Amino acid sequence: MISVPGAEALCLKREHAHGCRESFMIGTEFAHVHPAYDGSMHLMLPSVCVRDLLAKGWGEPHPMVKTGLVSDTAVMAFAPRDEDEIETALMLLATSHAFASDKLENPGFVRI
């Protein structure tokens, strides 16, 4: 709904969207993956994960965070370059999904 043409949005069905407001971009969308020519993704993560992602250089704040139109839990994760980074990208997506479905076991202690 809010990305470049060809992006694939990841949304929860309403009955599974139990996360806080800060776990969604728009509606029940918690992430989207940009087209293959780019490979990066925007996703929502708990604040502790955002800090880890930024500190590790895996991404940056979503450009709309500065405007206040999206929560500071929105990030852009850089495209994976190898198999290990693909595993990291999948783990980030799983964390974003758990955040949106309110299924993080202990969101205060999640580390990426």
PDB file of N, CA and C in Angstrom:
ATOM      1  N   MET A   1       0.811  -1.207   0.000  1.00  0.00           N
ATOM      2  CA  MET A   1       0.000   0.000   0.000  1.00  0.00           C
ATOM      3  C   MET A   1       0.853   1.269   0.000  1.00  0.00           C
ATOM      4  N   ILE A   2       2.074   1.181   0.542  1.00  0.00           N
ATOM      5  CA  ILE A   2       2.873   2.401   0.667  1.00  0.00           C
ATOM      6  C   ILE A   2       4.304   2.187   0.193  1.00  0.00           C
ATOM      7  N   SER A   3       4.504   1.332  -0.760  1.00  0.00           N
ATOM      8  CA  SER A   3       5.863   1.046  -1.208  1.00  0.00           C
ATOM      9  C   SER A   3       5.988   1.194  -2.716  1.00  0.00           C
ATOM     10  N   VAL A   4       7.173   0.889  -3.210  1.00  0.00           N
ATOM     11  CA  VAL A   4       7.456   0.974  -4.637  1.00  0.00           C
ATOM     12  C   VAL A   4       6.731  -0.146  -5.387  1.00  0.00           C
ATOM     13  N   PRO A   5       6.457   0.053  -6.669  1.00  0.00           N
ATOM     14  CA  PRO A   5       5.831  -1.020  -7.461  1.00  0.00           C
ATOM     15  C   PRO A   5       6.685  -2.289  -7.421  1.00  0.00           C
ATOM     16  N   GLY A   6       6.014  -3.414  -7.249  1.00  0.00           N
ATOM     17  CA  GLY A   6       6.710  -4.692  -7.200  1.00  0.00           C
ATOM     18  C   GLY A   6       7.060  -5.164  -5.802  1.00  0.00           C
ATOM     19  N   ALA A   7       6.867  -4.317  -4.796  1.00  0.00           N
ATOM     20  CA  ALA A   7       7.126  -4.735  -3.413  1.00  0.00           C
ATOM     21  C   ALA A   7       6.051  -5.728  -2.984  1.00  0.00           C
ATOM     22  N   GLU A   8       6.427  -6.630  -2.105  1.00  0.00           N
ATOM     23  CA  GLU A   8       5.496  -7.639  -1.577  1.00  0.00           C
ATOM     24  C   GLU A   8       5.201  -7.314  -0.113  1.00  0.00           C
ATOM     25  N   ALA A   9       3.958  -6.953   0.167  1.00  0.00           N
ATOM     26  CA  ALA A   9       3.549  -6.609   1.529  1.00  0.00           C
ATOM     27  C   ALA A   9       3.253  -7.872   2.329  1.00  0.00           C
ATOM     28  N   LEU A  10       3.605  -7.837   3.589  1.00  0.00           N
ATOM     29  CA  LEU A  10       3.287  -8.914   4.525  1.00  0.00           C
ATOM     30  C   LEU A  10       2.282  -8.346   5.523  1.00  0.00           C
ATOM     31  N   CYS A  11       1.088  -8.915   5.520  1.00  0.00           N
ATOM     32  CA  CYS A  11      -0.003  -8.440   6.367  1.00  0.00           C
ATOM     33  C   CYS A  11      -0.585  -9.613   7.153  1.00  0.00           C
ATOM     34  N   LEU A  12      -1.112  -9.292   8.305  1.00  0.00           N
ATOM     35  CA  LEU A  12      -1.816 -10.290   9.104  1.00  0.00           C
ATOM     36  C   LEU A  12      -3.315 -10.162   8.857  1.00  0.00           C
ATOM     37  N   LYS A  13      -4.014 -11.262   8.954  1.00  0.00           N
ATOM     38  CA  LYS A  13      -5.475 -11.186   8.983  1.00  0.00           C
ATOM     39  C   LYS A  13      -5.849 -10.449  10.265  1.00  0.00           C
ATOM     40  N   ARG A  14      -6.913  -9.684  10.203  1.00  0.00           N
ATOM     41  CA  ARG A  14      -7.320  -8.869  11.363  1.00  0.00           C
ATOM     42  C   ARG A  14      -7.399  -9.688  12.657  1.00  0.00           C
ATOM     43  N   GLU A  15      -7.902 -10.912  12.556  1.00  0.00           N
ATOM     44  CA  GLU A  15      -8.069 -11.716  13.780  1.00  0.00           C
ATOM     45  C   GLU A  15      -6.741 -12.153  14.402  1.00  0.00           C
ATOM     46  N   HIS A  16      -5.640 -11.960  13.675  1.00  0.00           N
ATOM     47  CA  HIS A  16      -4.316 -12.311  14.209  1.00  0.00           C
ATOM     48  C   HIS A  16      -3.463 -11.087  14.508  1.00  0.00           C
ATOM     49  N   ALA A  17      -3.962  -9.910  14.200  1.00  0.00           N
ATOM     50  CA  ALA A  17      -3.210  -8.664  14.373  1.00  0.00           C
ATOM     51  C   ALA A  17      -3.408  -8.133  15.788  1.00  0.00           C
ATOM     52  N   HIS A  18      -2.695  -8.718  16.751  1.00  0.00           N
ATOM     53  CA  HIS A  18      -2.854  -8.374  18.158  1.00  0.00           C
ATOM     54  C   HIS A  18      -1.746  -7.479  18.680  1.00  0.00           C
ATOM     55  N   GLY A  19      -0.797  -7.118  17.829  1.00  0.00           N
ATOM     56  CA  GLY A  19       0.320  -6.282  18.265  1.00  0.00           C
ATOM     57  C   GLY A  19      -0.121  -4.856  18.539  1.00  0.00           C
ATOM     58  N   CYS A  20       0.777  -4.101  19.141  1.00  0.00           N
ATOM     59  CA  CYS A  20       0.510  -2.692  19.433  1.00  0.00           C
ATOM     60  C   CYS A  20       0.508  -1.882  18.134  1.00  0.00           C
ATOM     61  N   ARG A  21       0.024  -0.673  18.203  1.00  0.00           N
ATOM     62  CA  ARG A  21      -0.049   0.197  17.032  1.00  0.00           C
ATOM     63  C   ARG A  21       1.320   0.353  16.361  1.00  0.00           C
ATOM     64  N   GLU A  22       2.382   0.384  17.164  1.00  0.00           N
ATOM     65  CA  GLU A  22       3.736   0.579  16.655  1.00  0.00           C
ATOM     66  C   GLU A  22       4.290  -0.644  15.930  1.00  0.00           C
ATOM     67  N   SER A  23       3.521  -1.729  15.862  1.00  0.00           N
ATOM     68  CA  SER A  23       3.987  -2.930  15.167  1.00  0.00           C
ATOM     69  C   SER A  23       3.448  -3.019  13.739  1.00  0.00           C
ATOM     70  N   PHE A  24       2.709  -1.977  13.308  1.00  0.00           N
ATOM     71  CA  PHE A  24       2.133  -1.968  11.965  1.00  0.00           C
ATOM     72  C   PHE A  24       2.478  -0.683  11.228  1.00  0.00           C
ATOM     73  N   MET A  25       2.689  -0.824   9.921  1.00  0.00           N
ATOM     74  CA  MET A  25       2.939   0.344   9.071  1.00  0.00           C
ATOM     75  C   MET A  25       1.629   1.031   8.724  1.00  0.00           C
ATOM     76  N   ILE A  26       0.751   0.263   8.111  1.00  0.00           N
ATOM     77  CA  ILE A  26      -0.554   0.752   7.696  1.00  0.00           C
ATOM     78  C   ILE A  26      -1.487  -0.459   7.689  1.00  0.00           C
ATOM     79  N   GLY A  27      -2.676  -0.298   8.213  1.00  0.00           N
ATOM     80  CA  GLY A  27      -3.574  -1.447   8.314  1.00  0.00           C
ATOM     81  C   GLY A  27      -2.906  -2.546   9.127  1.00  0.00           C
ATOM     82  N   THR A  28      -2.869  -3.746   8.580  1.00  0.00           N
ATOM     83  CA  THR A  28      -2.226  -4.864   9.282  1.00  0.00           C
ATOM     84  C   THR A  28      -0.894  -5.247   8.630  1.00  0.00           C
ATOM     85  N   GLU A  29      -0.328  -4.325   7.838  1.00  0.00           N
ATOM     86  CA  GLU A  29       0.978  -4.573   7.214  1.00  0.00           C
ATOM     87  C   GLU A  29       2.090  -4.356   8.233  1.00  0.00           C
ATOM     88  N   PHE A  30       2.908  -5.387   8.431  1.00  0.00           N
ATOM     89  CA  PHE A  30       4.014  -5.281   9.378  1.00  0.00           C
ATOM     90  C   PHE A  30       5.368  -5.230   8.674  1.00  0.00           C
ATOM     91  N   ALA A  31       5.411  -5.539   7.379  1.00  0.00           N
ATOM     92  CA  ALA A  31       6.661  -5.502   6.618  1.00  0.00           C
ATOM     93  C   ALA A  31       6.344  -5.538   5.131  1.00  0.00           C
ATOM     94  N   HIS A  32       7.300  -5.105   4.340  1.00  0.00           N
ATOM     95  CA  HIS A  32       7.232  -5.362   2.903  1.00  0.00           C
ATOM     96  C   HIS A  32       8.651  -5.506   2.379  1.00  0.00           C
ATOM     97  N   VAL A  33       8.772  -6.389   1.400  1.00  0.00           N
ATOM     98  CA  VAL A  33      10.067  -6.683   0.787  1.00  0.00           C
ATOM     99  C   VAL A  33      10.081  -6.000  -0.566  1.00  0.00           C
ATOM    100  N   HIS A  34      11.133  -5.244  -0.811  1.00  0.00           N
ATOM    101  CA  HIS A  34      11.263  -4.526  -2.082  1.00  0.00           C
ATOM    102  C   HIS A  34      11.623  -5.494  -3.202  1.00  0.00           C
ATOM    103  N   PRO A  35      11.388  -5.091  -4.451  1.00  0.00           N
ATOM    104  CA  PRO A  35      11.658  -5.978  -5.593  1.00  0.00           C
ATOM    105  C   PRO A  35      13.097  -6.496  -5.606  1.00  0.00           C
ATOM    106  N   ALA A  36      13.294  -7.579  -6.355  1.00  0.00           N
ATOM    107  CA  ALA A  36      14.590  -8.275  -6.387  1.00  0.00           C
ATOM    108  C   ALA A  36      15.749  -7.371  -6.779  1.00  0.00           C
ATOM    109  N   TYR A  37      15.519  -6.374  -7.626  1.00  0.00           N
ATOM    110  CA  TYR A  37      16.622  -5.496  -8.017  1.00  0.00           C
ATOM    111  C   TYR A  37      17.164  -4.702  -6.830  1.00  0.00           C
ATOM    112  N   ASP A  38      16.383  -4.611  -5.759  1.00  0.00           N
ATOM    113  CA  ASP A  38      16.788  -3.888  -4.552  1.00  0.00           C
ATOM    114  C   ASP A  38      17.058  -4.875  -3.415  1.00  0.00           C
ATOM    115  N   GLY A  39      16.026  -5.638  -3.034  1.00  0.00           N
ATOM    116  CA  GLY A  39      16.168  -6.677  -2.020  1.00  0.00           C
ATOM    117  C   GLY A  39      16.105  -6.218  -0.576  1.00  0.00           C
ATOM    118  N   SER A  40      16.048  -4.901  -0.338  1.00  0.00           N
ATOM    119  CA  SER A  40      15.913  -4.437   1.036  1.00  0.00           C
ATOM    120  C   SER A  40      14.460  -4.619   1.470  1.00  0.00           C
ATOM    121  N   MET A  41      14.175  -4.315   2.724  1.00  0.00           N
ATOM    122  CA  MET A  41      12.804  -4.420   3.207  1.00  0.00           C
ATOM    123  C   MET A  41      12.557  -3.391   4.290  1.00  0.00           C
ATOM    124  N   HIS A  42      11.324  -2.953   4.374  1.00  0.00           N
ATOM    125  CA  HIS A  42      10.879  -2.117   5.485  1.00  0.00           C
ATOM    126  C   HIS A  42      10.094  -3.023   6.417  1.00  0.00           C
ATOM    127  N   LEU A  43      10.351  -2.874   7.699  1.00  0.00           N
ATOM    128  CA  LEU A  43       9.618  -3.679   8.661  1.00  0.00           C
ATOM    129  C   LEU A  43       9.540  -2.972   9.994  1.00  0.00           C
ATOM    130  N   MET A  44       8.635  -3.441  10.809  1.00  0.00           N
ATOM    131  CA  MET A  44       8.414  -2.912  12.143  1.00  0.00           C
ATOM    132  C   MET A  44       9.057  -3.869  13.144  1.00  0.00           C
ATOM    133  N   LEU A  45       9.816  -3.310  14.076  1.00  0.00           N
ATOM    134  CA  LEU A  45      10.503  -4.113  15.087  1.00  0.00           C
ATOM    135  C   LEU A  45      10.352  -3.458  16.456  1.00  0.00           C
ATOM    136  N   PRO A  46      10.400  -4.246  17.522  1.00  0.00           N
ATOM    137  CA  PRO A  46      10.402  -3.657  18.863  1.00  0.00           C
ATOM    138  C   PRO A  46      11.605  -2.717  19.007  1.00  0.00           C
ATOM    139  N   SER A  47      11.474  -1.697  19.830  1.00  0.00           N
ATOM    140  CA  SER A  47      12.526  -0.685  19.985  1.00  0.00           C
ATOM    141  C   SER A  47      13.891  -1.281  20.296  1.00  0.00           C
ATOM    142  N   VAL A  48      13.948  -2.294  21.141  1.00  0.00           N
ATOM    143  CA  VAL A  48      15.229  -2.903  21.486  1.00  0.00           C
ATOM    144  C   VAL A  48      15.878  -3.519  20.248  1.00  0.00           C
ATOM    145  N   CYS A  49      15.085  -4.075  19.350  1.00  0.00           N
ATOM    146  CA  CYS A  49      15.606  -4.658  18.112  1.00  0.00           C
ATOM    147  C   CYS A  49      16.053  -3.568  17.143  1.00  0.00           C
ATOM    148  N   VAL A  50      15.314  -2.460  17.115  1.00  0.00           N
ATOM    149  CA  VAL A  50      15.718  -1.343  16.262  1.00  0.00           C
ATOM    150  C   VAL A  50      17.106  -0.872  16.675  1.00  0.00           C
ATOM    151  N   ARG A  51      17.323  -0.718  17.968  1.00  0.00           N
ATOM    152  CA  ARG A  51      18.647  -0.281  18.452  1.00  0.00           C
ATOM    153  C   ARG A  51      19.730  -1.258  18.031  1.00  0.00           C
ATOM    154  N   ASP A  52      19.476  -2.561  18.155  1.00  0.00           N
ATOM    155  CA  ASP A  52      20.457  -3.575  17.750  1.00  0.00           C
ATOM    156  C   ASP A  52      20.719  -3.519  16.246  1.00  0.00           C
ATOM    157  N   LEU A  53      19.657  -3.433  15.444  1.00  0.00           N
ATOM    158  CA  LEU A  53      19.795  -3.386  13.994  1.00  0.00           C
ATOM    159  C   LEU A  53      20.663  -2.195  13.575  1.00  0.00           C
ATOM    160  N   LEU A  54      20.388  -1.027  14.142  1.00  0.00           N
ATOM    161  CA  LEU A  54      21.155   0.164  13.795  1.00  0.00           C
ATOM    162  C   LEU A  54      22.603   0.045  14.258  1.00  0.00           C
ATOM    163  N   ALA A  55      22.808  -0.454  15.475  1.00  0.00           N
ATOM    164  CA  ALA A  55      24.166  -0.592  16.012  1.00  0.00           C
ATOM    165  C   ALA A  55      25.010  -1.571  15.201  1.00  0.00           C
ATOM    166  N   LYS A  56      24.371  -2.600  14.658  1.00  0.00           N
ATOM    167  CA  LYS A  56      25.097  -3.606  13.873  1.00  0.00           C
ATOM    168  C   LYS A  56      25.266  -3.208  12.407  1.00  0.00           C
ATOM    169  N   GLY A  57      24.684  -2.071  12.025  1.00  0.00           N
ATOM    170  CA  GLY A  57      24.817  -1.596  10.657  1.00  0.00           C
ATOM    171  C   GLY A  57      24.010  -2.385   9.648  1.00  0.00           C
ATOM    172  N   TRP A  58      22.956  -3.049  10.104  1.00  0.00           N
ATOM    173  CA  TRP A  58      22.126  -3.877   9.224  1.00  0.00           C
ATOM    174  C   TRP A  58      21.030  -3.080   8.551  1.00  0.00           C
ATOM    175  N   GLY A  59      20.833  -1.835   8.953  1.00  0.00           N
ATOM    176  CA  GLY A  59      19.766  -1.039   8.382  1.00  0.00           C
ATOM    177  C   GLY A  59      19.796   0.374   8.899  1.00  0.00           C
ATOM    178  N   GLU A  60      18.715   1.087   8.650  1.00  0.00           N
ATOM    179  CA  GLU A  60      18.590   2.477   9.066  1.00  0.00           C
ATOM    180  C   GLU A  60      17.122   2.761   9.365  1.00  0.00           C
ATOM    181  N   PRO A  61      16.842   3.883  10.040  1.00  0.00           N
ATOM    182  CA  PRO A  61      15.450   4.226  10.295  1.00  0.00           C
ATOM    183  C   PRO A  61      14.685   4.400   8.980  1.00  0.00           C
ATOM    184  N   HIS A  62      13.423   4.049   8.983  1.00  0.00           N
ATOM    185  CA  HIS A  62      12.566   4.284   7.821  1.00  0.00           C
ATOM    186  C   HIS A  62      12.587   5.783   7.541  1.00  0.00           C
ATOM    187  N   PRO A  63      12.661   6.190   6.266  1.00  0.00           N
ATOM    188  CA  PRO A  63      12.730   7.621   5.957  1.00  0.00           C
ATOM    189  C   PRO A  63      11.561   8.442   6.496  1.00  0.00           C
ATOM    190  N   MET A  64      10.410   7.821   6.686  1.00  0.00           N
ATOM    191  CA  MET A  64       9.235   8.553   7.171  1.00  0.00           C
ATOM    192  C   MET A  64       9.243   8.752   8.686  1.00  0.00           C
ATOM    193  N   VAL A  65      10.183   8.129   9.401  1.00  0.00           N
ATOM    194  CA  VAL A  65      10.260   8.310  10.854  1.00  0.00           C
ATOM    195  C   VAL A  65      10.489   9.790  11.171  1.00  0.00           C
ATOM    196  N   LYS A  66      11.357  10.450  10.402  1.00  0.00           N
ATOM    197  CA  LYS A  66      11.675  11.867  10.638  1.00  0.00           C
ATOM    198  C   LYS A  66      10.442  12.753  10.563  1.00  0.00           C
ATOM    199  N   THR A  67       9.473  12.382   9.747  1.00  0.00           N
ATOM    200  CA  THR A  67       8.267  13.196   9.568  1.00  0.00           C
ATOM    201  C   THR A  67       7.240  12.967  10.668  1.00  0.00           C
ATOM    202  N   GLY A  68       7.403  11.870  11.408  1.00  0.00           N
ATOM    203  CA  GLY A  68       6.427  11.521  12.422  1.00  0.00           C
ATOM    204  C   GLY A  68       5.233  10.759  11.874  1.00  0.00           C
ATOM    205  N   LEU A  69       5.252  10.449  10.574  1.00  0.00           N
ATOM    206  CA  LEU A  69       4.128   9.723   9.973  1.00  0.00           C
ATOM    207  C   LEU A  69       4.164   8.235  10.282  1.00  0.00           C
ATOM    208  N   VAL A  70       5.329   7.712  10.629  1.00  0.00           N
ATOM    209  CA  VAL A  70       5.435   6.319  11.074  1.00  0.00           C
ATOM    210  C   VAL A  70       6.217   6.286  12.375  1.00  0.00           C
ATOM    211  N   SER A  71       5.990   5.278  13.140  1.00  0.00           N
ATOM    212  CA  SER A  71       6.647   5.102  14.430  1.00  0.00           C
ATOM    213  C   SER A  71       8.151   4.881  14.253  1.00  0.00           C
ATOM    214  N   ASP A  72       8.905   5.185  15.295  1.00  0.00           N
ATOM    215  CA  ASP A  72      10.351   4.932  15.244  1.00  0.00           C
ATOM    216  C   ASP A  72      10.681   3.448  15.338  1.00  0.00           C
ATOM    217  N   THR A  73       9.666   2.610  15.341  1.00  0.00           N
ATOM    218  CA  THR A  73       9.871   1.158  15.258  1.00  0.00           C
ATOM    219  C   THR A  73       9.951   0.692  13.808  1.00  0.00           C
ATOM    220  N   ALA A  74       9.841   1.634  12.858  1.00  0.00           N
ATOM    221  CA  ALA A  74       9.929   1.321  11.431  1.00  0.00           C
ATOM    222  C   ALA A  74      11.377   1.465  10.969  1.00  0.00           C
ATOM    223  N   VAL A  75      11.866   0.441  10.293  1.00  0.00           N
ATOM    224  CA  VAL A  75      13.253   0.455   9.809  1.00  0.00           C
ATOM    225  C   VAL A  75      13.327  -0.036   8.372  1.00  0.00           C
ATOM    226  N   MET A  76      14.443   0.274   7.736  1.00  0.00           N
ATOM    227  CA  MET A  76      14.779  -0.340   6.464  1.00  0.00           C
ATOM    228  C   MET A  76      15.964  -1.249   6.734  1.00  0.00           C
ATOM    229  N   ALA A  77      15.783  -2.530   6.474  1.00  0.00           N
ATOM    230  CA  ALA A  77      16.880  -3.496   6.602  1.00  0.00           C
ATOM    231  C   ALA A  77      17.512  -3.649   5.227  1.00  0.00           C
ATOM    232  N   PHE A  78      18.838  -3.595   5.187  1.00  0.00           N
ATOM    233  CA  PHE A  78      19.549  -3.698   3.922  1.00  0.00           C
ATOM    234  C   PHE A  78      19.395  -5.091   3.324  1.00  0.00           C
ATOM    235  N   ALA A  79      19.531  -5.178   2.013  1.00  0.00           N
ATOM    236  CA  ALA A  79      19.402  -6.448   1.293  1.00  0.00           C
ATOM    237  C   ALA A  79      20.500  -7.419   1.712  1.00  0.00           C
ATOM    238  N   PRO A  80      20.155  -8.689   1.893  1.00  0.00           N
ATOM    239  CA  PRO A  80      21.185  -9.691   2.212  1.00  0.00           C
ATOM    240  C   PRO A  80      22.118  -9.909   1.024  1.00  0.00           C
ATOM    241  N   ARG A  81      23.401 -10.160   1.336  1.00  0.00           N
ATOM    242  CA  ARG A  81      24.405 -10.362   0.291  1.00  0.00           C
ATOM    243  C   ARG A  81      24.897 -11.793   0.206  1.00  0.00           C
ATOM    244  N   ASP A  82      24.606 -12.599   1.226  1.00  0.00           N
ATOM    245  CA  ASP A  82      25.068 -13.984   1.225  1.00  0.00           C
ATOM    246  C   ASP A  82      24.109 -14.827   2.066  1.00  0.00           C
ATOM    247  N   GLU A  83      24.402 -16.126   2.166  1.00  0.00           N
ATOM    248  CA  GLU A  83      23.503 -17.058   2.890  1.00  0.00           C
ATOM    249  C   GLU A  83      23.308 -16.674   4.348  1.00  0.00           C
ATOM    250  N   ASP A  84      24.383 -16.268   5.035  1.00  0.00           N
ATOM    251  CA  ASP A  84      24.254 -15.884   6.438  1.00  0.00           C
ATOM    252  C   ASP A  84      23.326 -14.680   6.587  1.00  0.00           C
ATOM    253  N   GLU A  85      23.474 -13.729   5.678  1.00  0.00           N
ATOM    254  CA  GLU A  85      22.624 -12.548   5.753  1.00  0.00           C
ATOM    255  C   GLU A  85      21.180 -12.858   5.373  1.00  0.00           C
ATOM    256  N   ILE A  86      20.963 -13.863   4.541  1.00  0.00           N
ATOM    257  CA  ILE A  86      19.592 -14.302   4.260  1.00  0.00           C
ATOM    258  C   ILE A  86      18.956 -14.834   5.537  1.00  0.00           C
ATOM    259  N   GLU A  87      19.715 -15.591   6.314  1.00  0.00           N
ATOM    260  CA  GLU A  87      19.199 -16.095   7.596  1.00  0.00           C
ATOM    261  C   GLU A  87      18.858 -14.933   8.527  1.00  0.00           C
ATOM    262  N   THR A  88      19.694 -13.906   8.548  1.00  0.00           N
ATOM    263  CA  THR A  88      19.426 -12.721   9.369  1.00  0.00           C
ATOM    264  C   THR A  88      18.145 -12.036   8.901  1.00  0.00           C
ATOM    265  N   ALA A  89      17.976 -11.883   7.587  1.00  0.00           N
ATOM    266  CA  ALA A  89      16.767 -11.253   7.046  1.00  0.00           C
ATOM    267  C   ALA A  89      15.520 -12.040   7.437  1.00  0.00           C
ATOM    268  N   LEU A  90      15.590 -13.357   7.359  1.00  0.00           N
ATOM    269  CA  LEU A  90      14.450 -14.192   7.753  1.00  0.00           C
ATOM    270  C   LEU A  90      14.155 -14.057   9.239  1.00  0.00           C
ATOM    271  N   MET A  91      15.197 -13.950  10.055  1.00  0.00           N
ATOM    272  CA  MET A  91      15.012 -13.775  11.495  1.00  0.00           C
ATOM    273  C   MET A  91      14.368 -12.422  11.784  1.00  0.00           C
ATOM    274  N   LEU A  92      14.775 -11.391  11.041  1.00  0.00           N
ATOM    275  CA  LEU A  92      14.152 -10.078  11.212  1.00  0.00           C
ATOM    276  C   LEU A  92      12.671 -10.125  10.853  1.00  0.00           C
ATOM    277  N   LEU A  93      12.342 -10.782   9.752  1.00  0.00           N
ATOM    278  CA  LEU A  93      10.931 -10.917   9.362  1.00  0.00           C
ATOM    279  C   LEU A  93      10.140 -11.691  10.406  1.00  0.00           C
ATOM    280  N   ALA A  94      10.724 -12.753  10.944  1.00  0.00           N
ATOM    281  CA  ALA A  94      10.042 -13.534  11.978  1.00  0.00           C
ATOM    282  C   ALA A  94       9.804 -12.693  13.233  1.00  0.00           C
ATOM    283  N   THR A  95      10.780 -11.867  13.590  1.00  0.00           N
ATOM    284  CA  THR A  95      10.630 -10.995  14.758  1.00  0.00           C
ATOM    285  C   THR A  95       9.537  -9.963  14.506  1.00  0.00           C
ATOM    286  N   SER A  96       9.499  -9.386  13.300  1.00  0.00           N
ATOM    287  CA  SER A  96       8.473  -8.418  12.956  1.00  0.00           C
ATOM    288  C   SER A  96       7.086  -9.058  12.998  1.00  0.00           C
ATOM    289  N   HIS A  97       6.980 -10.274  12.478  1.00  0.00           N
ATOM    290  CA  HIS A  97       5.704 -11.010  12.515  1.00  0.00           C
ATOM    291  C   HIS A  97       5.273 -11.259  13.960  1.00  0.00           C
ATOM    292  N   ALA A  98       6.192 -11.696  14.788  1.00  0.00           N
ATOM    293  CA  ALA A  98       5.856 -11.956  16.192  1.00  0.00           C
ATOM    294  C   ALA A  98       5.447 -10.665  16.909  1.00  0.00           C
ATOM    295  N   PHE A  99       6.106  -9.561  16.603  1.00  0.00           N
ATOM    296  CA  PHE A  99       5.766  -8.248  17.165  1.00  0.00           C
ATOM    297  C   PHE A  99       4.334  -7.878  16.775  1.00  0.00           C
ATOM    298  N   ALA A 100       3.983  -8.052  15.504  1.00  0.00           N
ATOM    299  CA  ALA A 100       2.654  -7.695  15.005  1.00  0.00           C
ATOM    300  C   ALA A 100       1.554  -8.613  15.532  1.00  0.00           C
ATOM    301  N   SER A 101       1.892  -9.848  15.798  1.00  0.00           N
ATOM    302  CA  SER A 101       0.887 -10.793  16.298  1.00  0.00           C
ATOM    303  C   SER A 101       0.894 -10.875  17.821  1.00  0.00           C
ATOM    304  N   ASP A 102       1.727 -10.055  18.457  1.00  0.00           N
ATOM    305  CA  ASP A 102       1.865 -10.025  19.926  1.00  0.00           C
ATOM    306  C   ASP A 102       2.256 -11.390  20.470  1.00  0.00           C
ATOM    307  N   LYS A 103       3.234 -12.017  19.805  1.00  0.00           N
ATOM    308  CA  LYS A 103       3.686 -13.337  20.233  1.00  0.00           C
ATOM    309  C   LYS A 103       5.163 -13.359  20.602  1.00  0.00           C
ATOM    310  N   LEU A 104       5.748 -12.198  20.873  1.00  0.00           N
ATOM    311  CA  LEU A 104       7.121 -12.188  21.369  1.00  0.00           C
ATOM    312  C   LEU A 104       7.080 -12.644  22.817  1.00  0.00           C
ATOM    313  N   GLU A 105       7.906 -13.602  23.146  1.00  0.00           N
ATOM    314  CA  GLU A 105       7.869 -14.139  24.507  1.00  0.00           C
ATOM    315  C   GLU A 105       8.239 -13.084  25.536  1.00  0.00           C
ATOM    316  N   ASN A 106       9.273 -12.298  25.258  1.00  0.00           N
ATOM    317  CA  ASN A 106       9.684 -11.237  26.164  1.00  0.00           C
ATOM    318  C   ASN A 106      10.270 -10.106  25.344  1.00  0.00           C
ATOM    319  N   PRO A 107       9.409  -9.191  24.840  1.00  0.00           N
ATOM    320  CA  PRO A 107       9.881  -8.167  23.911  1.00  0.00           C
ATOM    321  C   PRO A 107      10.981  -7.273  24.483  1.00  0.00           C
ATOM    322  N   GLY A 108      11.051  -7.142  25.793  1.00  0.00           N
ATOM    323  CA  GLY A 108      12.089  -6.317  26.401  1.00  0.00           C
ATOM    324  C   GLY A 108      13.468  -6.930  26.303  1.00  0.00           C
ATOM    325  N   PHE A 109      13.557  -8.213  25.989  1.00  0.00           N
ATOM    326  CA  PHE A 109      14.855  -8.874  25.958  1.00  0.00           C
ATOM    327  C   PHE A 109      15.174  -9.520  24.614  1.00  0.00           C
ATOM    328  N   VAL A 110      14.426  -9.183  23.578  1.00  0.00           N
ATOM    329  CA  VAL A 110      14.698  -9.720  22.247  1.00  0.00           C
ATOM    330  C   VAL A 110      15.987  -9.096  21.741  1.00  0.00           C
ATOM    331  N   ARG A 111      16.861  -9.920  21.215  1.00  0.00           N
ATOM    332  CA  ARG A 111      18.100  -9.434  20.606  1.00  0.00           C
ATOM    333  C   ARG A 111      18.211 -10.023  19.222  1.00  0.00           C
ATOM    334  N   ILE A 112      18.665  -9.222  18.303  1.00  0.00           N
ATOM    335  CA  ILE A 112      18.854  -9.703  16.944  1.00  0.00           C
ATOM    336  C   ILE A 112      20.329  -9.791  16.630  1.00  0.00           C
TER     337      ILE A 112
END
